[in-house]
Each structure stands twice: as C-alpha cells, then as structure tokens.
Amino acid sequence: MDEEALMRGRVYGADHDDPDPGPKPGRAYRELCGGPLDGLLLDVTGRGADELRDGAALWTEIGRYGPGGHAHYTPRPADPRRWDWTGDSR
C-alpha cells in the first residue's frame, strides 16, 4: 500500500458518523488484512516494539462471536505494515 492509498483508508474505531474517519497526519498505522476488519487501518502510534510484534485482539461486533468478540491480527512477516487476520475469539 502506498502512502496515498493509506491516507484514503478508514481507521478502526472511528465513529460511523465521523465526517473524517481517515488517518491523521503524524500518526502510524497498520493495514488490517482479511477477517471482519479487512481494509481498516489500526492506529499504532506510541506502541512499543513488543506490542507491534505481538499484534492485537480487536473488539468487533461483526466477527464470528458477534458483540463482545475479538478479531486477532498479527504482523505479516514479509511486510509488518500489514497485519493478517488469524481468527476470532470471545
């Protein structure tokens, strides 16, 4: 994903009524690939190297377990700017 395409994406957690749900300048993002959050951007600004290496379990209502469930994403080994979906949990 080039910088221009990245800046057009929607950020995970942005309110559906937000008139500007895209990324903000000066912040760091990862692209979520696959699963229920496919195509969203995750703001990782301020996260340490350990957190970035571990990935994230993100709240979502549209995953396998519905409201209260989590979608799990981990960095892609060949391109850590992209995080791949590894499954859902409660």
C-alpha atoms as a PDB file:
ATOM      1  CA  MET A   1       0.000   0.000   0.000  1.00  0.00           C
ATOM      2  CA  ASP A   2       1.490   3.332  -0.993  1.00  0.00           C
ATOM      3  CA  GLU A   3       1.240   6.409   1.222  1.00  0.00           C
ATOM      4  CA  GLU A   4      -1.561   7.947  -0.866  1.00  0.00           C
ATOM      5  CA  ALA A   5      -3.713   4.815  -0.649  1.00  0.00           C
ATOM      6  CA  LEU A   6      -3.038   4.563   3.081  1.00  0.00           C
ATOM      7  CA  MET A   7      -4.287   8.091   3.641  1.00  0.00           C
ATOM      8  CA  ARG A   8      -7.648   7.257   1.988  1.00  0.00           C
ATOM      9  CA  GLY A   9      -8.437   4.374   4.376  1.00  0.00           C
ATOM     10  CA  ARG A  10     -10.812   4.263   7.337  1.00  0.00           C
ATOM     11  CA  VAL A  11      -9.381   3.949  10.834  1.00  0.00           C
ATOM     12  CA  TYR A  12     -10.537   1.128  13.144  1.00  0.00           C
ATOM     13  CA  GLY A  13     -12.622   2.602  15.941  1.00  0.00           C
ATOM     14  CA  ALA A  14     -13.671   5.717  14.022  1.00  0.00           C
ATOM     15  CA  ASP A  15     -17.295   6.601  14.657  1.00  0.00           C
ATOM     16  CA  HIS A  16     -19.609   5.786  11.745  1.00  0.00           C
ATOM     17  CA  ASP A  17     -20.901   9.375  11.846  1.00  0.00           C
ATOM     18  CA  ASP A  18     -17.387  10.871  11.815  1.00  0.00           C
ATOM     19  CA  PRO A  19     -17.119  13.129   8.756  1.00  0.00           C
ATOM     20  CA  ASP A  20     -13.368  12.389   8.590  1.00  0.00           C
ATOM     21  CA  PRO A  21     -12.831   8.714   9.580  1.00  0.00           C
ATOM     22  CA  GLY A  22      -9.477   8.521   7.827  1.00  0.00           C
ATOM     23  CA  PRO A  23      -5.937   8.571   9.148  1.00  0.00           C
ATOM     24  CA  LYS A  24      -4.417  11.725  10.607  1.00  0.00           C
ATOM     25  CA  PRO A  25      -1.021  13.139   9.665  1.00  0.00           C
ATOM     26  CA  GLY A  26       1.782  12.346  12.087  1.00  0.00           C
ATOM     27  CA  ARG A  27       0.247   9.045  13.247  1.00  0.00           C
ATOM     28  CA  ALA A  28       1.424   5.482  12.490  1.00  0.00           C
ATOM     29  CA  TYR A  29      -0.959   2.897  11.046  1.00  0.00           C
ATOM     30  CA  ARG A  30      -1.097  -0.777  10.088  1.00  0.00           C
ATOM     31  CA  GLU A  31      -3.429  -2.163   7.431  1.00  0.00           C
ATOM     32  CA  LEU A  32      -5.699  -4.987   8.635  1.00  0.00           C
ATOM     33  CA  CYS A  33      -5.903  -7.776   6.053  1.00  0.00           C
ATOM     34  CA  GLY A  34      -8.615 -10.437   5.965  1.00  0.00           C
ATOM     35  CA  GLY A  35     -11.265 -11.250   8.524  1.00  0.00           C
ATOM     36  CA  PRO A  36     -14.048  -8.974   9.713  1.00  0.00           C
ATOM     37  CA  LEU A  37     -11.905  -5.812   9.829  1.00  0.00           C
ATOM     38  CA  ASP A  38     -10.342  -6.238   6.396  1.00  0.00           C
ATOM     39  CA  GLY A  39      -9.195  -2.960   4.873  1.00  0.00           C
ATOM     40  CA  LEU A  40      -9.347  -0.889   8.056  1.00  0.00           C
ATOM     41  CA  LEU A  41      -6.311   0.897   9.422  1.00  0.00           C
ATOM     42  CA  LEU A  42      -5.179   0.419  13.021  1.00  0.00           C
ATOM     43  CA  ASP A  43      -3.555   3.397  14.749  1.00  0.00           C
ATOM     44  CA  VAL A  44      -0.385   2.068  16.396  1.00  0.00           C
ATOM     45  CA  THR A  45       1.096   5.421  17.352  1.00  0.00           C
ATOM     46  CA  GLY A  46       3.062   5.131  20.581  1.00  0.00           C
ATOM     47  CA  ARG A  47       3.069   1.323  20.718  1.00  0.00           C
ATOM     48  CA  GLY A  48       6.372  -0.282  21.625  1.00  0.00           C
ATOM     49  CA  ALA A  49       8.257  -2.835  19.537  1.00  0.00           C
ATOM     50  CA  ASP A  50       6.928  -5.743  21.650  1.00  0.00           C
ATOM     51  CA  GLU A  51       3.321  -4.666  21.129  1.00  0.00           C
ATOM     52  CA  LEU A  52       3.868  -4.248  17.390  1.00  0.00           C
ATOM     53  CA  ARG A  53       5.465  -7.687  17.157  1.00  0.00           C
ATOM     54  CA  ASP A  54       2.587  -9.333  19.074  1.00  0.00           C
ATOM     55  CA  GLY A  55      -0.247  -7.831  17.016  1.00  0.00           C
ATOM     56  CA  ALA A  56      -3.654  -7.151  18.528  1.00  0.00           C
ATOM     57  CA  ALA A  57      -7.007  -8.601  19.584  1.00  0.00           C
ATOM     58  CA  LEU A  58      -9.563  -6.016  18.476  1.00  0.00           C
ATOM     59  CA  TRP A  59     -13.183  -5.684  19.629  1.00  0.00           C
ATOM     60  CA  THR A  60     -15.685  -6.236  16.853  1.00  0.00           C
ATOM     61  CA  GLU A  61     -19.396  -6.906  16.550  1.00  0.00           C
ATOM     62  CA  ILE A  62     -19.079  -8.378  13.070  1.00  0.00           C
ATOM     63  CA  GLY A  63     -16.798 -11.319  13.812  1.00  0.00           C
ATOM     64  CA  ARG A  64     -17.716 -14.934  14.441  1.00  0.00           C
ATOM     65  CA  TYR A  65     -18.813 -14.278  18.039  1.00  0.00           C
ATOM     66  CA  GLY A  66     -20.830 -11.096  17.467  1.00  0.00           C
ATOM     67  CA  PRO A  67     -20.882  -8.294  20.052  1.00  0.00           C
ATOM     68  CA  GLY A  68     -18.091  -8.676  22.572  1.00  0.00           C
ATOM     69  CA  GLY A  69     -15.961 -10.792  20.255  1.00  0.00           C
ATOM     70  CA  HIS A  70     -12.412 -10.106  19.156  1.00  0.00           C
ATOM     71  CA  ALA A  71     -10.655 -10.365  15.817  1.00  0.00           C
ATOM     72  CA  HIS A  72      -6.965 -11.277  16.119  1.00  0.00           C
ATOM     73  CA  TYR A  73      -4.344  -9.776  13.816  1.00  0.00           C
ATOM     74  CA  THR A  74      -0.588 -10.363  13.652  1.00  0.00           C
ATOM     75  CA  PRO A  75       2.120  -8.676  11.572  1.00  0.00           C
ATOM     76  CA  ARG A  76       2.842 -10.227   8.196  1.00  0.00           C
ATOM     77  CA  PRO A  77       6.464 -11.486   8.317  1.00  0.00           C
ATOM     78  CA  ALA A  78       7.396 -10.145   4.880  1.00  0.00           C
ATOM     79  CA  ASP A  79       5.582  -6.809   5.379  1.00  0.00           C
ATOM     80  CA  PRO A  80       4.943  -5.808   9.020  1.00  0.00           C
ATOM     81  CA  ARG A  81       2.921  -2.767   7.843  1.00  0.00           C
ATOM     82  CA  ARG A  82       0.167  -5.277   7.046  1.00  0.00           C
ATOM     83  CA  TRP A  83      -1.419  -7.350   9.805  1.00  0.00           C
ATOM     84  CA  ASP A  84      -3.135 -10.588   8.848  1.00  0.00           C
ATOM     85  CA  TRP A  85      -6.268 -11.958  10.491  1.00  0.00           C
ATOM     86  CA  THR A  86      -5.598 -15.147  12.453  1.00  0.00           C
ATOM     87  CA  GLY A  87      -9.081 -15.828  13.833  1.00  0.00           C
ATOM     88  CA  ASP A  88     -11.785 -14.674  16.230  1.00  0.00           C
ATOM     89  CA  SER A  89     -12.396 -15.281  19.928  1.00  0.00           C
ATOM     90  CA  ARG A  90     -14.885 -14.361  22.627  1.00  0.00           C
END
